[in-house]
Amino acid sequence: MHVRESTGNVGRVGHEVIGASYLQSLGSSEVVCRLVNSHVAAKRYLTATDQRYHESLSSASQKLLAFQGGPFRDAYLKNFQEDPLRDKMVSLRLWDDAAKLEGVEAITPRAGGQSGHDHRAFAP
């Protein structure tokens, strides 16, 4: 497994909260919002339980992981393991990792119009 991620982009802090809030505003179910909101937690869980996953992260993702609190330990790890949505949270994280494409940032619509595309075309 290798997570394809730009080493120059450490991500947007709180992106999981932004995504979950956006989906909630569209009327998505609580479960869907929880799954999206678990993006960082699933990464912290996977890095705590799978050394190969941790090693597959780009240096930028590893730096961001440290900022996010590092791999889960103790009560955090136990709580995540006991969450009834754990398997779905992990699956969503792994699907997201597998879907990363090199250079996608240049063609992805972003709030604020930085990409040159009109992001409103994707709004409901």
PDB file of N, CA and C in Angstrom:
ATOM      1  N   MET A   1       0.847  -1.170   0.000  1.00  0.00           N
ATOM      2  CA  MET A   1       0.000   0.000   0.000  1.00  0.00           C
ATOM      3  C   MET A   1       0.892   1.231   0.000  1.00  0.00           C
ATOM      4  N   HIS A   2       0.536   2.186  -0.852  1.00  0.00           N
ATOM      5  CA  HIS A   2       1.276   3.447  -0.868  1.00  0.00           C
ATOM      6  C   HIS A   2       0.275   4.581  -1.040  1.00  0.00           C
ATOM      7  N   VAL A   3       0.281   5.481  -0.114  1.00  0.00           N
ATOM      8  CA  VAL A   3      -0.625   6.619  -0.172  1.00  0.00           C
ATOM      9  C   VAL A   3       0.017   7.670  -1.052  1.00  0.00           C
ATOM     10  N   ARG A   4      -0.639   7.971  -2.167  1.00  0.00           N
ATOM     11  CA  ARG A   4      -0.118   8.976  -3.090  1.00  0.00           C
ATOM     12  C   ARG A   4      -0.567  10.331  -2.615  1.00  0.00           C
ATOM     13  N   GLU A   5       0.397  11.131  -2.240  1.00  0.00           N
ATOM     14  CA  GLU A   5       0.065  12.457  -1.723  1.00  0.00           C
ATOM     15  C   GLU A   5       1.226  13.380  -2.003  1.00  0.00           C
ATOM     16  N   SER A   6       0.943  14.558  -2.400  1.00  0.00           N
ATOM     17  CA  SER A   6       1.968  15.544  -2.666  1.00  0.00           C
ATOM     18  C   SER A   6       2.745  15.828  -1.387  1.00  0.00           C
ATOM     19  N   THR A   7       4.065  15.791  -1.477  1.00  0.00           N
ATOM     20  CA  THR A   7       4.869  16.084  -0.293  1.00  0.00           C
ATOM     21  C   THR A   7       4.898  17.571   0.013  1.00  0.00           C
ATOM     22  N   GLY A   8       4.479  18.388  -0.921  1.00  0.00           N
ATOM     23  CA  GLY A   8       4.484  19.822  -0.691  1.00  0.00           C
ATOM     24  C   GLY A   8       3.192  20.349  -0.093  1.00  0.00           C
ATOM     25  N   ASN A   9       2.202  19.504   0.057  1.00  0.00           N
ATOM     26  CA  ASN A   9       0.902  19.959   0.545  1.00  0.00           C
ATOM     27  C   ASN A   9       0.560  19.176   1.804  1.00  0.00           C
ATOM     28  N   VAL A  10       0.548  19.829   2.937  1.00  0.00           N
ATOM     29  CA  VAL A  10       0.261  19.119   4.191  1.00  0.00           C
ATOM     30  C   VAL A  10      -1.219  19.104   4.513  1.00  0.00           C
ATOM     31  N   GLY A  11      -2.036  19.561   3.608  1.00  0.00           N
ATOM     32  CA  GLY A  11      -3.476  19.459   3.818  1.00  0.00           C
ATOM     33  C   GLY A  11      -4.053  20.676   4.506  1.00  0.00           C
ATOM     34  N   ARG A  12      -5.346  20.660   4.613  1.00  0.00           N
ATOM     35  CA  ARG A  12      -6.082  21.763   5.231  1.00  0.00           C
ATOM     36  C   ARG A  12      -6.507  21.313   6.620  1.00  0.00           C
ATOM     37  N   VAL A  13      -6.061  22.004   7.638  1.00  0.00           N
ATOM     38  CA  VAL A  13      -6.414  21.666   9.006  1.00  0.00           C
ATOM     39  C   VAL A  13      -7.920  21.787   9.173  1.00  0.00           C
ATOM     40  N   GLY A  14      -8.533  20.770   9.739  1.00  0.00           N
ATOM     41  CA  GLY A  14      -9.971  20.777   9.962  1.00  0.00           C
ATOM     42  C   GLY A  14     -10.781  20.420   8.737  1.00  0.00           C
ATOM     43  N   HIS A  15     -10.134  19.885   7.708  1.00  0.00           N
ATOM     44  CA  HIS A  15     -10.861  19.583   6.475  1.00  0.00           C
ATOM     45  C   HIS A  15     -11.972  18.565   6.688  1.00  0.00           C
ATOM     46  N   GLU A  16     -11.807  17.684   7.651  1.00  0.00           N
ATOM     47  CA  GLU A  16     -12.855  16.702   7.939  1.00  0.00           C
ATOM     48  C   GLU A  16     -14.096  17.381   8.523  1.00  0.00           C
ATOM     49  N   VAL A  17     -13.884  18.406   9.335  1.00  0.00           N
ATOM     50  CA  VAL A  17     -14.996  19.155   9.925  1.00  0.00           C
ATOM     51  C   VAL A  17     -15.696  19.992   8.850  1.00  0.00           C
ATOM     52  N   ILE A  18     -14.909  20.599   7.976  1.00  0.00           N
ATOM     53  CA  ILE A  18     -15.475  21.388   6.885  1.00  0.00           C
ATOM     54  C   ILE A  18     -16.352  20.499   6.006  1.00  0.00           C
ATOM     55  N   GLY A  19     -15.835  19.324   5.646  1.00  0.00           N
ATOM     56  CA  GLY A  19     -16.595  18.403   4.803  1.00  0.00           C
ATOM     57  C   GLY A  19     -17.871  17.923   5.469  1.00  0.00           C
ATOM     58  N   ALA A  20     -17.780  17.543   6.734  1.00  0.00           N
ATOM     59  CA  ALA A  20     -18.956  17.049   7.455  1.00  0.00           C
ATOM     60  C   ALA A  20     -20.001  18.156   7.606  1.00  0.00           C
ATOM     61  N   SER A  21     -19.557  19.361   7.900  1.00  0.00           N
ATOM     62  CA  SER A  21     -20.492  20.492   8.042  1.00  0.00           C
ATOM     63  C   SER A  21     -21.189  20.792   6.725  1.00  0.00           C
ATOM     64  N   TYR A  22     -20.434  20.747   5.652  1.00  0.00           N
ATOM     65  CA  TYR A  22     -21.017  20.991   4.336  1.00  0.00           C
ATOM     66  C   TYR A  22     -22.080  19.940   4.013  1.00  0.00           C
ATOM     67  N   LEU A  23     -21.741  18.678   4.234  1.00  0.00           N
ATOM     68  CA  LEU A  23     -22.703  17.612   3.956  1.00  0.00           C
ATOM     69  C   LEU A  23     -23.939  17.732   4.844  1.00  0.00           C
ATOM     70  N   GLN A  24     -23.738  18.135   6.090  1.00  0.00           N
ATOM     71  CA  GLN A  24     -24.874  18.325   6.989  1.00  0.00           C
ATOM     72  C   GLN A  24     -25.783  19.432   6.447  1.00  0.00           C
ATOM     73  N   SER A  25     -25.180  20.497   5.928  1.00  0.00           N
ATOM     74  CA  SER A  25     -25.976  21.603   5.384  1.00  0.00           C
ATOM     75  C   SER A  25     -26.788  21.179   4.163  1.00  0.00           C
ATOM     76  N   LEU A  26     -26.342  20.118   3.500  1.00  0.00           N
ATOM     77  CA  LEU A  26     -27.073  19.597   2.346  1.00  0.00           C
ATOM     78  C   LEU A  26     -28.144  18.590   2.753  1.00  0.00           C
ATOM     79  N   GLY A  27     -28.191  18.271   4.058  1.00  0.00           N
ATOM     80  CA  GLY A  27     -29.193  17.329   4.538  1.00  0.00           C
ATOM     81  C   GLY A  27     -28.724  15.886   4.585  1.00  0.00           C
ATOM     82  N   SER A  28     -27.424  15.660   4.505  1.00  0.00           N
ATOM     83  CA  SER A  28     -26.907  14.280   4.589  1.00  0.00           C
ATOM     84  C   SER A  28     -27.193  13.694   5.961  1.00  0.00           C
ATOM     85  N   SER A  29     -27.249  12.393   6.014  1.00  0.00           N
ATOM     86  CA  SER A  29     -27.563  11.711   7.269  1.00  0.00           C
ATOM     87  C   SER A  29     -26.459  11.915   8.301  1.00  0.00           C
ATOM     88  N   GLU A  30     -26.819  11.711   9.564  1.00  0.00           N
ATOM     89  CA  GLU A  30     -25.847  11.821  10.649  1.00  0.00           C
ATOM     90  C   GLU A  30     -24.706  10.824  10.457  1.00  0.00           C
ATOM     91  N   VAL A  31     -25.031   9.627   9.974  1.00  0.00           N
ATOM     92  CA  VAL A  31     -23.993   8.606   9.769  1.00  0.00           C
ATOM     93  C   VAL A  31     -22.996   9.058   8.712  1.00  0.00           C
ATOM     94  N   VAL A  32     -23.481   9.585   7.601  1.00  0.00           N
ATOM     95  CA  VAL A  32     -22.582  10.058   6.541  1.00  0.00           C
ATOM     96  C   VAL A  32     -21.694  11.172   7.074  1.00  0.00           C
ATOM     97  N   CYS A  33     -22.275  12.099   7.813  1.00  0.00           N
ATOM     98  CA  CYS A  33     -21.488  13.204   8.380  1.00  0.00           C
ATOM     99  C   CYS A  33     -20.451  12.684   9.371  1.00  0.00           C
ATOM    100  N   ARG A  34     -20.807  11.719  10.187  1.00  0.00           N
ATOM    101  CA  ARG A  34     -19.837  11.130  11.122  1.00  0.00           C
ATOM    102  C   ARG A  34     -18.703  10.448  10.377  1.00  0.00           C
ATOM    103  N   LEU A  35     -19.025   9.748   9.287  1.00  0.00           N
ATOM    104  CA  LEU A  35     -17.984   9.070   8.521  1.00  0.00           C
ATOM    105  C   LEU A  35     -16.994  10.067   7.942  1.00  0.00           C
ATOM    106  N   VAL A  36     -17.493  11.141   7.378  1.00  0.00           N
ATOM    107  CA  VAL A  36     -16.613  12.170   6.824  1.00  0.00           C
ATOM    108  C   VAL A  36     -15.818  12.842   7.939  1.00  0.00           C
ATOM    109  N   ASN A  37     -16.464  13.112   9.046  1.00  0.00           N
ATOM    110  CA  ASN A  37     -15.796  13.757  10.178  1.00  0.00           C
ATOM    111  C   ASN A  37     -14.725  12.859  10.807  1.00  0.00           C
ATOM    112  N   SER A  38     -14.776  11.572  10.528  1.00  0.00           N
ATOM    113  CA  SER A  38     -13.812  10.632  11.115  1.00  0.00           C
ATOM    114  C   SER A  38     -12.528  10.510  10.298  1.00  0.00           C
ATOM    115  N   HIS A  39     -12.384  11.305   9.260  1.00  0.00           N
ATOM    116  CA  HIS A  39     -11.247  11.190   8.340  1.00  0.00           C
ATOM    117  C   HIS A  39      -9.896  11.188   9.071  1.00  0.00           C
ATOM    118  N   VAL A  40      -9.684  12.146   9.936  1.00  0.00           N
ATOM    119  CA  VAL A  40      -8.418  12.236  10.675  1.00  0.00           C
ATOM    120  C   VAL A  40      -8.346  11.140  11.738  1.00  0.00           C
ATOM    121  N   ALA A  41      -9.442  10.882  12.417  1.00  0.00           N
ATOM    122  CA  ALA A  41      -9.454   9.833  13.445  1.00  0.00           C
ATOM    123  C   ALA A  41      -9.101   8.475  12.838  1.00  0.00           C
ATOM    124  N   ALA A  42      -9.618   8.200  11.652  1.00  0.00           N
ATOM    125  CA  ALA A  42      -9.298   6.928  10.994  1.00  0.00           C
ATOM    126  C   ALA A  42      -7.809   6.853  10.650  1.00  0.00           C
ATOM    127  N   LYS A  43      -7.236   7.952  10.249  1.00  0.00           N
ATOM    128  CA  LYS A  43      -5.794   7.998   9.971  1.00  0.00           C
ATOM    129  C   LYS A  43      -5.006   7.740  11.256  1.00  0.00           C
ATOM    130  N   ARG A  44      -5.426   8.359  12.338  1.00  0.00           N
ATOM    131  CA  ARG A  44      -4.742   8.173  13.620  1.00  0.00           C
ATOM    132  C   ARG A  44      -4.874   6.721  14.092  1.00  0.00           C
ATOM    133  N   TYR A  45      -6.031   6.121  13.848  1.00  0.00           N
ATOM    134  CA  TYR A  45      -6.244   4.715  14.199  1.00  0.00           C
ATOM    135  C   TYR A  45      -5.363   3.807  13.344  1.00  0.00           C
ATOM    136  N   LEU A  46      -5.399   4.015  12.046  1.00  0.00           N
ATOM    137  CA  LEU A  46      -4.610   3.161  11.146  1.00  0.00           C
ATOM    138  C   LEU A  46      -3.114   3.250  11.431  1.00  0.00           C
ATOM    139  N   THR A  47      -2.628   4.445  11.733  1.00  0.00           N
ATOM    140  CA  THR A  47      -1.197   4.579  12.019  1.00  0.00           C
ATOM    141  C   THR A  47      -0.828   3.934  13.348  1.00  0.00           C
ATOM    142  N   ALA A  48      -1.803   3.812  14.234  1.00  0.00           N
ATOM    143  CA  ALA A  48      -1.553   3.154  15.528  1.00  0.00           C
ATOM    144  C   ALA A  48      -1.575   1.640  15.407  1.00  0.00           C
ATOM    145  N   THR A  49      -2.297   1.129  14.435  1.00  0.00           N
ATOM    146  CA  THR A  49      -2.513  -0.323  14.364  1.00  0.00           C
ATOM    147  C   THR A  49      -1.844  -0.996  13.176  1.00  0.00           C
ATOM    148  N   ASP A  50      -1.313  -0.225  12.240  1.00  0.00           N
ATOM    149  CA  ASP A  50      -0.739  -0.807  11.022  1.00  0.00           C
ATOM    150  C   ASP A  50       0.527  -0.037  10.645  1.00  0.00           C
ATOM    151  N   GLN A  51       1.659  -0.586  10.997  1.00  0.00           N
ATOM    152  CA  GLN A  51       2.939   0.078  10.731  1.00  0.00           C
ATOM    153  C   GLN A  51       3.143   0.311   9.237  1.00  0.00           C
ATOM    154  N   ARG A  52       2.687  -0.623   8.396  1.00  0.00           N
ATOM    155  CA  ARG A  52       2.834  -0.449   6.940  1.00  0.00           C
ATOM    156  C   ARG A  52       2.048   0.775   6.460  1.00  0.00           C
ATOM    157  N   TYR A  53       0.880   0.996   7.044  1.00  0.00           N
ATOM    158  CA  TYR A  53       0.093   2.168   6.676  1.00  0.00           C
ATOM    159  C   TYR A  53       0.865   3.441   7.050  1.00  0.00           C
ATOM    160  N   HIS A  54       1.382   3.459   8.266  1.00  0.00           N
ATOM    161  CA  HIS A  54       2.146   4.628   8.724  1.00  0.00           C
ATOM    162  C   HIS A  54       3.312   4.910   7.792  1.00  0.00           C
ATOM    163  N   GLU A  55       4.043   3.868   7.410  1.00  0.00           N
ATOM    164  CA  GLU A  55       5.201   4.029   6.532  1.00  0.00           C
ATOM    165  C   GLU A  55       4.807   4.447   5.123  1.00  0.00           C
ATOM    166  N   SER A  56       3.574   4.159   4.716  1.00  0.00           N
ATOM    167  CA  SER A  56       3.125   4.501   3.368  1.00  0.00           C
ATOM    168  C   SER A  56       2.765   5.980   3.220  1.00  0.00           C
ATOM    169  N   LEU A  57       2.588   6.671   4.331  1.00  0.00           N
ATOM    170  CA  LEU A  57       2.217   8.084   4.274  1.00  0.00           C
ATOM    171  C   LEU A  57       3.378   8.925   3.757  1.00  0.00           C
ATOM    172  N   SER A  58       3.055   9.931   2.993  1.00  0.00           N
ATOM    173  CA  SER A  58       4.081  10.858   2.528  1.00  0.00           C
ATOM    174  C   SER A  58       4.668  11.591   3.729  1.00  0.00           C
ATOM    175  N   SER A  59       5.796  12.230   3.519  1.00  0.00           N
ATOM    176  CA  SER A  59       6.396  12.986   4.619  1.00  0.00           C
ATOM    177  C   SER A  59       5.464  14.120   5.052  1.00  0.00           C
ATOM    178  N   ALA A  60       4.761  14.726   4.103  1.00  0.00           N
ATOM    179  CA  ALA A  60       3.821  15.796   4.453  1.00  0.00           C
ATOM    180  C   ALA A  60       2.688  15.258   5.317  1.00  0.00           C
ATOM    181  N   SER A  61       2.166  14.101   4.965  1.00  0.00           N
ATOM    182  CA  SER A  61       1.069  13.512   5.738  1.00  0.00           C
ATOM    183  C   SER A  61       1.545  13.098   7.130  1.00  0.00           C
ATOM    184  N   GLN A  62       2.784  12.634   7.231  1.00  0.00           N
ATOM    185  CA  GLN A  62       3.327  12.283   8.540  1.00  0.00           C
ATOM    186  C   GLN A  62       3.507  13.525   9.408  1.00  0.00           C
ATOM    187  N   LYS A  63       3.919  14.629   8.805  1.00  0.00           N
ATOM    188  CA  LYS A  63       4.043  15.886   9.550  1.00  0.00           C
ATOM    189  C   LYS A  63       2.678  16.347  10.046  1.00  0.00           C
ATOM    190  N   LEU A  64       1.686  16.275   9.170  1.00  0.00           N
ATOM    191  CA  LEU A  64       0.340  16.665   9.554  1.00  0.00           C
ATOM    192  C   LEU A  64      -0.194  15.741  10.649  1.00  0.00           C
ATOM    193  N   LEU A  65       0.101  14.461  10.553  1.00  0.00           N
ATOM    194  CA  LEU A  65      -0.319  13.505  11.580  1.00  0.00           C
ATOM    195  C   LEU A  65       0.215  13.919  12.947  1.00  0.00           C
ATOM    196  N   ALA A  66       1.459  14.320  13.014  1.00  0.00           N
ATOM    197  CA  ALA A  66       2.032  14.767  14.290  1.00  0.00           C
ATOM    198  C   ALA A  66       1.266  15.970  14.820  1.00  0.00           C
ATOM    199  N   PHE A  67       0.924  16.897  13.931  1.00  0.00           N
ATOM    200  CA  PHE A  67       0.155  18.076  14.318  1.00  0.00           C
ATOM    201  C   PHE A  67      -1.249  17.697  14.793  1.00  0.00           C
ATOM    202  N   GLN A  68      -1.795  16.623  14.213  1.00  0.00           N
ATOM    203  CA  GLN A  68      -3.143  16.157  14.546  1.00  0.00           C
ATOM    204  C   GLN A  68      -3.186  15.311  15.815  1.00  0.00           C
ATOM    205  N   GLY A  69      -2.040  15.099  16.446  1.00  0.00           N
ATOM    206  CA  GLY A  69      -2.007  14.352  17.698  1.00  0.00           C
ATOM    207  C   GLY A  69      -1.298  13.017  17.609  1.00  0.00           C
ATOM    208  N   GLY A  70      -0.850  12.647  16.418  1.00  0.00           N
ATOM    209  CA  GLY A  70      -0.134  11.396  16.236  1.00  0.00           C
ATOM    210  C   GLY A  70      -1.063  10.188  16.290  1.00  0.00           C
ATOM    211  N   PRO A  71      -0.478   9.005  16.172  1.00  0.00           N
ATOM    212  CA  PRO A  71      -1.290   7.783  16.235  1.00  0.00           C
ATOM    213  C   PRO A  71      -2.053   7.704  17.560  1.00  0.00           C
ATOM    214  N   PHE A  72      -3.255   7.158  17.494  1.00  0.00           N
ATOM    215  CA  PHE A  72      -4.047   6.975  18.714  1.00  0.00           C
ATOM    216  C   PHE A  72      -3.309   6.093  19.702  1.00  0.00           C
ATOM    217  N   ARG A  73      -3.531   6.372  20.983  1.00  0.00           N
ATOM    218  CA  ARG A  73      -3.005   5.547  22.071  1.00  0.00           C
ATOM    219  C   ARG A  73      -4.052   5.520  23.170  1.00  0.00           C
ATOM    220  N   ASP A  74      -3.898   4.534  24.018  1.00  0.00           N
ATOM    221  CA  ASP A  74      -4.676   4.432  25.248  1.00  0.00           C
ATOM    222  C   ASP A  74      -6.185   4.560  25.016  1.00  0.00           C
ATOM    223  N   ALA A  75      -6.833   5.466  25.734  1.00  0.00           N
ATOM    224  CA  ALA A  75      -8.295   5.587  25.692  1.00  0.00           C
ATOM    225  C   ALA A  75      -8.795   5.976  24.296  1.00  0.00           C
ATOM    226  N   TYR A  76      -8.037   6.812  23.571  1.00  0.00           N
ATOM    227  CA  TYR A  76      -8.451   7.204  22.232  1.00  0.00           C
ATOM    228  C   TYR A  76      -8.514   5.983  21.311  1.00  0.00           C
ATOM    229  N   LEU A  77      -7.498   5.138  21.402  1.00  0.00           N
ATOM    230  CA  LEU A  77      -7.456   3.925  20.594  1.00  0.00           C
ATOM    231  C   LEU A  77      -8.601   2.996  20.967  1.00  0.00           C
ATOM    232  N   LYS A  78      -8.815   2.809  22.253  1.00  0.00           N
ATOM    233  CA  LYS A  78      -9.890   1.936  22.725  1.00  0.00           C
ATOM    234  C   LYS A  78     -11.251   2.449  22.276  1.00  0.00           C
ATOM    235  N   ASN A  79     -11.484   3.746  22.397  1.00  0.00           N
ATOM    236  CA  ASN A  79     -12.767   4.335  21.986  1.00  0.00           C
ATOM    237  C   ASN A  79     -13.020   4.153  20.497  1.00  0.00           C
ATOM    238  N   PHE A  80     -11.985   4.354  19.695  1.00  0.00           N
ATOM    239  CA  PHE A  80     -12.163   4.188  18.252  1.00  0.00           C
ATOM    240  C   PHE A  80     -12.438   2.724  17.925  1.00  0.00           C
ATOM    241  N   GLN A  81     -11.698   1.819  18.556  1.00  0.00           N
ATOM    242  CA  GLN A  81     -11.896   0.394  18.305  1.00  0.00           C
ATOM    243  C   GLN A  81     -13.314  -0.052  18.654  1.00  0.00           C
ATOM    244  N   GLU A  82     -13.909   0.567  19.636  1.00  0.00           N
ATOM    245  CA  GLU A  82     -15.238   0.180  20.092  1.00  0.00           C
ATOM    246  C   GLU A  82     -16.368   0.900  19.359  1.00  0.00           C
ATOM    247  N   ASP A  83     -16.028   1.858  18.505  1.00  0.00           N
ATOM    248  CA  ASP A  83     -17.067   2.590  17.781  1.00  0.00           C
ATOM    249  C   ASP A  83     -17.751   1.654  16.784  1.00  0.00           C
ATOM    250  N   PRO A  84     -19.078   1.595  16.794  1.00  0.00           N
ATOM    251  CA  PRO A  84     -19.777   0.706  15.870  1.00  0.00           C
ATOM    252  C   PRO A  84     -19.545   1.040  14.392  1.00  0.00           C
ATOM    253  N   LEU A  85     -19.096   2.257  14.100  1.00  0.00           N
ATOM    254  CA  LEU A  85     -18.809   2.647  12.713  1.00  0.00           C
ATOM    255  C   LEU A  85     -17.330   2.479  12.343  1.00  0.00           C
ATOM    256  N   ARG A  86     -16.549   1.908  13.233  1.00  0.00           N
ATOM    257  CA  ARG A  86     -15.098   1.800  13.004  1.00  0.00           C
ATOM    258  C   ARG A  86     -14.750   1.228  11.630  1.00  0.00           C
ATOM    259  N   ASP A  87     -15.310   0.101  11.268  1.00  0.00           N
ATOM    260  CA  ASP A  87     -14.944  -0.523   9.997  1.00  0.00           C
ATOM    261  C   ASP A  87     -15.296   0.360   8.809  1.00  0.00           C
ATOM    262  N   LYS A  88     -16.420   1.049   8.883  1.00  0.00           N
ATOM    263  CA  LYS A  88     -16.810   1.953   7.799  1.00  0.00           C
ATOM    264  C   LYS A  88     -15.905   3.184   7.763  1.00  0.00           C
ATOM    265  N   MET A  89     -15.517   3.675   8.936  1.00  0.00           N
ATOM    266  CA  MET A  89     -14.607   4.819   9.002  1.00  0.00           C
ATOM    267  C   MET A  89     -13.264   4.468   8.359  1.00  0.00           C
ATOM    268  N   VAL A  90     -12.758   3.302   8.694  1.00  0.00           N
ATOM    269  CA  VAL A  90     -11.478   2.853   8.142  1.00  0.00           C
ATOM    270  C   VAL A  90     -11.598   2.631   6.636  1.00  0.00           C
ATOM    271  N   SER A  91     -12.688   2.004   6.205  1.00  0.00           N
ATOM    272  CA  SER A  91     -12.885   1.772   4.769  1.00  0.00           C
ATOM    273  C   SER A  91     -12.929   3.083   3.997  1.00  0.00           C
ATOM    274  N   LEU A  92     -13.653   4.064   4.516  1.00  0.00           N
ATOM    275  CA  LEU A  92     -13.742   5.353   3.833  1.00  0.00           C
ATOM    276  C   LEU A  92     -12.368   6.009   3.739  1.00  0.00           C
ATOM    277  N   ARG A  93     -11.600   5.953   4.811  1.00  0.00           N
ATOM    278  CA  ARG A  93     -10.241   6.518   4.794  1.00  0.00           C
ATOM    279  C   ARG A  93      -9.383   5.827   3.736  1.00  0.00           C
ATOM    280  N   LEU A  94      -9.446   4.506   3.684  1.00  0.00           N
ATOM    281  CA  LEU A  94      -8.638   3.761   2.719  1.00  0.00           C
ATOM    282  C   LEU A  94      -9.091   4.042   1.283  1.00  0.00           C
ATOM    283  N   TRP A  95     -10.403   4.165   1.069  1.00  0.00           N
ATOM    284  CA  TRP A  95     -10.896   4.522  -0.262  1.00  0.00           C
ATOM    285  C   TRP A  95     -10.398   5.904  -0.652  1.00  0.00           C
ATOM    286  N   ASP A  96     -10.437   6.841   0.282  1.00  0.00           N
ATOM    287  CA  ASP A  96      -9.960   8.191   0.009  1.00  0.00           C
ATOM    288  C   ASP A  96      -8.471   8.176  -0.333  1.00  0.00           C
ATOM    289  N   ASP A  97      -7.698   7.422   0.415  1.00  0.00           N
ATOM    290  CA  ASP A  97      -6.263   7.323   0.134  1.00  0.00           C
ATOM    291  C   ASP A  97      -6.017   6.763  -1.264  1.00  0.00           C
ATOM    292  N   ALA A  98      -6.771   5.738  -1.629  1.00  0.00           N
ATOM    293  CA  ALA A  98      -6.579   5.090  -2.928  1.00  0.00           C
ATOM    294  C   ALA A  98      -6.991   5.992  -4.089  1.00  0.00           C
ATOM    295  N   ALA A  99      -7.827   6.973  -3.824  1.00  0.00           N
ATOM    296  CA  ALA A  99      -8.345   7.848  -4.885  1.00  0.00           C
ATOM    297  C   ALA A  99      -7.484   9.075  -5.134  1.00  0.00           C
ATOM    298  N   LYS A 100      -6.423   9.260  -4.370  1.00  0.00           N
ATOM    299  CA  LYS A 100      -5.593  10.446  -4.550  1.00  0.00           C
ATOM    300  C   LYS A 100      -4.863  10.377  -5.892  1.00  0.00           C
ATOM    301  N   LEU A 101      -4.877  11.484  -6.598  1.00  0.00           N
ATOM    302  CA  LEU A 101      -4.225  11.574  -7.895  1.00  0.00           C
ATOM    303  C   LEU A 101      -3.186  12.685  -7.865  1.00  0.00           C
ATOM    304  N   GLU A 102      -2.022  12.413  -8.418  1.00  0.00           N
ATOM    305  CA  GLU A 102      -0.982  13.430  -8.499  1.00  0.00           C
ATOM    306  C   GLU A 102      -1.479  14.608  -9.332  1.00  0.00           C
ATOM    307  N   GLY A 103      -1.274  15.823  -8.850  1.00  0.00           N
ATOM    308  CA  GLY A 103      -1.596  17.025  -9.593  1.00  0.00           C
ATOM    309  C   GLY A 103      -3.062  17.415  -9.606  1.00  0.00           C
ATOM    310  N   VAL A 104      -3.894  16.692  -8.860  1.00  0.00           N
ATOM    311  CA  VAL A 104      -5.326  16.976  -8.891  1.00  0.00           C
ATOM    312  C   VAL A 104      -5.651  18.363  -8.336  1.00  0.00           C
ATOM    313  N   GLU A 105      -4.775  18.898  -7.487  1.00  0.00           N
ATOM    314  CA  GLU A 105      -5.032  20.205  -6.901  1.00  0.00           C
ATOM    315  C   GLU A 105      -5.184  21.288  -7.965  1.00  0.00           C
ATOM    316  N   ALA A 106      -4.474  21.139  -9.075  1.00  0.00           N
ATOM    317  CA  ALA A 106      -4.501  22.159 -10.120  1.00  0.00           C
ATOM    318  C   ALA A 106      -5.836  22.213 -10.857  1.00  0.00           C
ATOM    319  N   ILE A 107      -6.615  21.118 -10.798  1.00  0.00           N
ATOM    320  CA  ILE A 107      -7.879  21.091 -11.542  1.00  0.00           C
ATOM    321  C   ILE A 107      -9.093  20.938 -10.637  1.00  0.00           C
ATOM    322  N   THR A 108      -8.880  20.927  -9.317  1.00  0.00           N
ATOM    323  CA  THR A 108      -9.973  20.736  -8.376  1.00  0.00           C
ATOM    324  C   THR A 108     -10.569  22.066  -7.969  1.00  0.00           C
ATOM    325  N   PRO A 109     -11.891  22.205  -8.080  1.00  0.00           N
ATOM    326  CA  PRO A 109     -12.519  23.450  -7.627  1.00  0.00           C
ATOM    327  C   PRO A 109     -12.329  23.638  -6.127  1.00  0.00           C
ATOM    328  N   ARG A 110     -11.997  24.819  -5.718  1.00  0.00           N
ATOM    329  CA  ARG A 110     -11.819  25.144  -4.305  1.00  0.00           C
ATOM    330  C   ARG A 110     -12.653  26.365  -3.973  1.00  0.00           C
ATOM    331  N   ALA A 111     -13.114  26.438  -2.761  1.00  0.00           N
ATOM    332  CA  ALA A 111     -13.816  27.637  -2.313  1.00  0.00           C
ATOM    333  C   ALA A 111     -12.876  28.818  -2.480  1.00  0.00           C
ATOM    334  N   GLY A 112     -13.377  29.902  -2.996  1.00  0.00           N
ATOM    335  CA  GLY A 112     -12.537  31.071  -3.222  1.00  0.00           C
ATOM    336  C   GLY A 112     -12.064  31.181  -4.648  1.00  0.00           C
ATOM    337  N   GLY A 113     -12.332  30.146  -5.452  1.00  0.00           N
ATOM    338  CA  GLY A 113     -12.022  30.215  -6.872  1.00  0.00           C
ATOM    339  C   GLY A 113     -10.547  30.193  -7.219  1.00  0.00           C
ATOM    340  N   GLN A 114      -9.697  29.671  -6.367  1.00  0.00           N
ATOM    341  CA  GLN A 114      -8.264  29.658  -6.625  1.00  0.00           C
ATOM    342  C   GLN A 114      -7.881  28.799  -7.827  1.00  0.00           C
ATOM    343  N   SER A 115      -8.703  27.813  -8.190  1.00  0.00           N
ATOM    344  CA  SER A 115      -8.341  26.903  -9.267  1.00  0.00           C
ATOM    345  C   SER A 115      -8.672  27.457 -10.648  1.00  0.00           C
ATOM    346  N   GLY A 116      -9.410  28.555 -10.713  1.00  0.00           N
ATOM    347  CA  GLY A 116      -9.824  29.074 -11.999  1.00  0.00           C
ATOM    348  C   GLY A 116     -11.163  28.496 -12.455  1.00  0.00           C
ATOM    349  N   HIS A 117     -11.683  27.552 -11.722  1.00  0.00           N
ATOM    350  CA  HIS A 117     -12.986  26.962 -12.021  1.00  0.00           C
ATOM    351  C   HIS A 117     -14.041  27.595 -11.123  1.00  0.00           C
ATOM    352  N   ASP A 118     -15.250  27.636 -11.595  1.00  0.00           N
ATOM    353  CA  ASP A 118     -16.349  28.155 -10.791  1.00  0.00           C
ATOM    354  C   ASP A 118     -16.908  27.030  -9.928  1.00  0.00           C
ATOM    355  N   HIS A 119     -16.583  27.039  -8.641  1.00  0.00           N
ATOM    356  CA  HIS A 119     -17.017  25.965  -7.745  1.00  0.00           C
ATOM    357  C   HIS A 119     -18.526  25.936  -7.580  1.00  0.00           C
ATOM    358  N   ARG A 120     -19.209  27.013  -7.922  1.00  0.00           N
ATOM    359  CA  ARG A 120     -20.664  27.042  -7.785  1.00  0.00           C
ATOM    360  C   ARG A 120     -21.331  26.075  -8.747  1.00  0.00           C
ATOM    361  N   ALA A 121     -20.634  25.655  -9.780  1.00  0.00           N
ATOM    362  CA  ALA A 121     -21.200  24.695 -10.719  1.00  0.00           C
ATOM    363  C   ALA A 121     -21.432  23.343 -10.042  1.00  0.00           C
ATOM    364  N   PHE A 122     -20.752  23.092  -8.921  1.00  0.00           N
ATOM    365  CA  PHE A 122     -20.879  21.828  -8.209  1.00  0.00           C
ATOM    366  C   PHE A 122     -21.856  21.918  -7.051  1.00  0.00           C
ATOM    367  N   ALA A 123     -22.376  23.093  -6.791  1.00  0.00           N
ATOM    368  CA  ALA A 123     -23.311  23.271  -5.677  1.00  0.00           C
ATOM    369  C   ALA A 123     -24.690  22.771  -6.093  1.00  0.00           C
ATOM    370  N   PRO A 124     -25.489  22.328  -5.117  1.00  0.00           N
ATOM    371  CA  PRO A 124     -26.840  21.837  -5.433  1.00  0.00           C
ATOM    372  C   PRO A 124     -27.759  22.961  -5.877  1.00  0.00           C
TER     373      PRO A 124
END
